[in-house]
Structures are given as structure tokens and as C-alpha cells.
C-alpha atoms as a PDB file:
ATOM      1  CA  MET A   1      -8.675  33.144   2.733  1.00  0.00           C
ATOM      2  CA  ALA A   2     -11.793  31.365   1.445  1.00  0.00           C
ATOM      3  CA  GLU A   3     -12.059  27.656   2.120  1.00  0.00           C
ATOM      4  CA  ASN A   4     -12.208  25.405  -0.958  1.00  0.00           C
ATOM      5  CA  LYS A   5     -15.502  23.522  -0.998  1.00  0.00           C
ATOM      6  CA  ASN A   6     -14.585  21.319  -3.975  1.00  0.00           C
ATOM      7  CA  ILE A   7     -11.450  19.747  -2.480  1.00  0.00           C
ATOM      8  CA  TYR A   8     -11.837  17.231   0.311  1.00  0.00           C
ATOM      9  CA  PRO A   9      -9.857  14.226   1.578  1.00  0.00           C
ATOM     10  CA  VAL A  10     -10.796  10.881   0.041  1.00  0.00           C
ATOM     11  CA  PHE A  11      -8.055   8.695   1.500  1.00  0.00           C
ATOM     12  CA  ASP A  12     -10.562   6.859   3.686  1.00  0.00           C
ATOM     13  CA  GLN A  13     -12.539   5.942   0.542  1.00  0.00           C
ATOM     14  CA  ILE A  14      -9.786   4.512  -1.659  1.00  0.00           C
ATOM     15  CA  ILE A  15      -7.810   1.280  -1.552  1.00  0.00           C
ATOM     16  CA  ASN A  16      -4.634   1.905   0.413  1.00  0.00           C
ATOM     17  CA  LYS A  17      -1.074   0.731  -0.216  1.00  0.00           C
ATOM     18  CA  GLU A  18      -1.261  -2.092   2.335  1.00  0.00           C
ATOM     19  CA  GLN A  19      -4.419  -3.515   0.738  1.00  0.00           C
ATOM     20  CA  LYS A  20      -2.804  -3.438  -2.712  1.00  0.00           C
ATOM     21  CA  GLU A  21       0.396  -5.058  -1.426  1.00  0.00           C
ATOM     22  CA  LYS A  22      -1.602  -7.863   0.185  1.00  0.00           C
ATOM     23  CA  PHE A  23      -3.693  -8.405  -2.959  1.00  0.00           C
ATOM     24  CA  LEU A  24      -0.633  -8.479  -5.247  1.00  0.00           C
ATOM     25  CA  ASN A  25       1.530 -10.349  -2.737  1.00  0.00           C
ATOM     26  CA  GLN A  26       4.352  -7.876  -3.318  1.00  0.00           C
ATOM     27  CA  LYS A  27       5.712  -4.751  -1.628  1.00  0.00           C
ATOM     28  CA  ALA A  28       5.521  -1.363  -3.327  1.00  0.00           C
ATOM     29  CA  LYS A  29       8.851   0.085  -4.451  1.00  0.00           C
ATOM     30  CA  VAL A  30       9.863   3.103  -6.505  1.00  0.00           C
ATOM     31  CA  ILE A  31      12.933   3.128  -8.738  1.00  0.00           C
ATOM     32  CA  TRP A  32      13.993   6.423 -10.322  1.00  0.00           C
ATOM     33  CA  PHE A  33      16.291   6.633 -13.330  1.00  0.00           C
ATOM     34  CA  THR A  34      17.802  10.064 -13.820  1.00  0.00           C
ATOM     35  CA  GLY A  35      20.131  11.329 -16.490  1.00  0.00           C
ATOM     36  CA  LEU A  36      20.554  13.412 -19.575  1.00  0.00           C
ATOM     37  CA  SER A  37      18.160  13.264 -22.498  1.00  0.00           C
ATOM     38  CA  GLY A  38      18.940  10.267 -24.682  1.00  0.00           C
ATOM     39  CA  SER A  39      21.037   8.518 -22.025  1.00  0.00           C
ATOM     40  CA  GLY A  40      18.938   5.323 -22.025  1.00  0.00           C
ATOM     41  CA  LYS A  41      16.580   5.774 -19.070  1.00  0.00           C
ATOM     42  CA  THR A  42      13.492   4.596 -20.981  1.00  0.00           C
ATOM     43  CA  THR A  43      15.367   1.690 -22.562  1.00  0.00           C
ATOM     44  CA  LEU A  44      16.738   0.588 -19.196  1.00  0.00           C
ATOM     45  CA  GLY A  45      13.321   0.969 -17.548  1.00  0.00           C
ATOM     46  CA  ALA A  46      11.633  -1.128 -20.235  1.00  0.00           C
ATOM     47  CA  ALA A  47      14.257  -3.873 -19.900  1.00  0.00           C
ATOM     48  CA  LEU A  48      13.897  -3.889 -16.111  1.00  0.00           C
ATOM     49  CA  GLU A  49      10.107  -4.047 -16.405  1.00  0.00           C
ATOM     50  CA  LYS A  50      10.358  -7.129 -18.660  1.00  0.00           C
ATOM     51  CA  GLU A  51      12.677  -8.880 -16.210  1.00  0.00           C
ATOM     52  CA  LEU A  52      10.472  -8.070 -13.222  1.00  0.00           C
ATOM     53  CA  PHE A  53       7.407  -9.281 -15.140  1.00  0.00           C
ATOM     54  CA  LYS A  54       9.181 -12.585 -15.869  1.00  0.00           C
ATOM     55  CA  GLU A  55       9.696 -12.903 -12.099  1.00  0.00           C
ATOM     56  CA  GLY A  56       5.972 -12.374 -11.500  1.00  0.00           C
ATOM     57  CA  PHE A  57       5.971  -8.724 -10.430  1.00  0.00           C
ATOM     58  CA  LEU A  58       3.396  -6.194 -11.558  1.00  0.00           C
ATOM     59  CA  THR A  59       5.064  -2.922 -12.560  1.00  0.00           C
ATOM     60  CA  GLN A  60       4.119   0.551 -13.750  1.00  0.00           C
ATOM     61  CA  ILE A  61       6.397   2.791 -15.794  1.00  0.00           C
ATOM     62  CA  LEU A  62       5.928   6.551 -15.647  1.00  0.00           C
ATOM     63  CA  ASP A  63       8.075   7.917 -18.448  1.00  0.00           C
ATOM     64  CA  GLY A  64       8.432  11.695 -18.513  1.00  0.00           C
ATOM     65  CA  ASP A  65       8.311  12.001 -22.320  1.00  0.00           C
ATOM     66  CA  ASN A  66       5.116   9.952 -22.533  1.00  0.00           C
ATOM     67  CA  ILE A  67       3.474  11.748 -19.618  1.00  0.00           C
ATOM     68  CA  ARG A  68       4.279  15.172 -21.094  1.00  0.00           C
ATOM     69  CA  SER A  69       2.827  14.179 -24.482  1.00  0.00           C
ATOM     70  CA  GLY A  70      -0.486  13.379 -22.793  1.00  0.00           C
ATOM     71  CA  ILE A  71      -0.780  16.626 -20.849  1.00  0.00           C
END
């Protein structure tokens, strides 16, 4: 099999999780909401994000519907 010349590791060149956690003064966590379509996952995620923001946490929501619309 031919070796890919255009794919190479860059992990030594990017900011790692520990550096980001130290900068933000918070630990990285992932929370998954699963359920049927229309069951309130996005609504619940948005409400949780607002509460975490009020507490001083930086968050990132990855919503499947929004991600698919951008692909």
C-alpha cells in the first residue's frame, strides 16, 4: 500500500488539552444528550450552556442538525 505523503501528525504543533485547561482554569468535559428526534436535546443543551456560562464556564455545543446543515 502506498504511503500518504499529505497526512502527517501535527499534535506536537497544536495547543494541547492541558494547556487549554490551564488557560481557561477549567477541566474539559463532554456531555452527550441522546434521544429521538424532537425529544428536546437541543433545548436542554442550550439551557445547560446558559447555566454553565452564568457560572463562568466556557462551553461549545455541537448540535447534529446544525453540523449536518453545514456539511
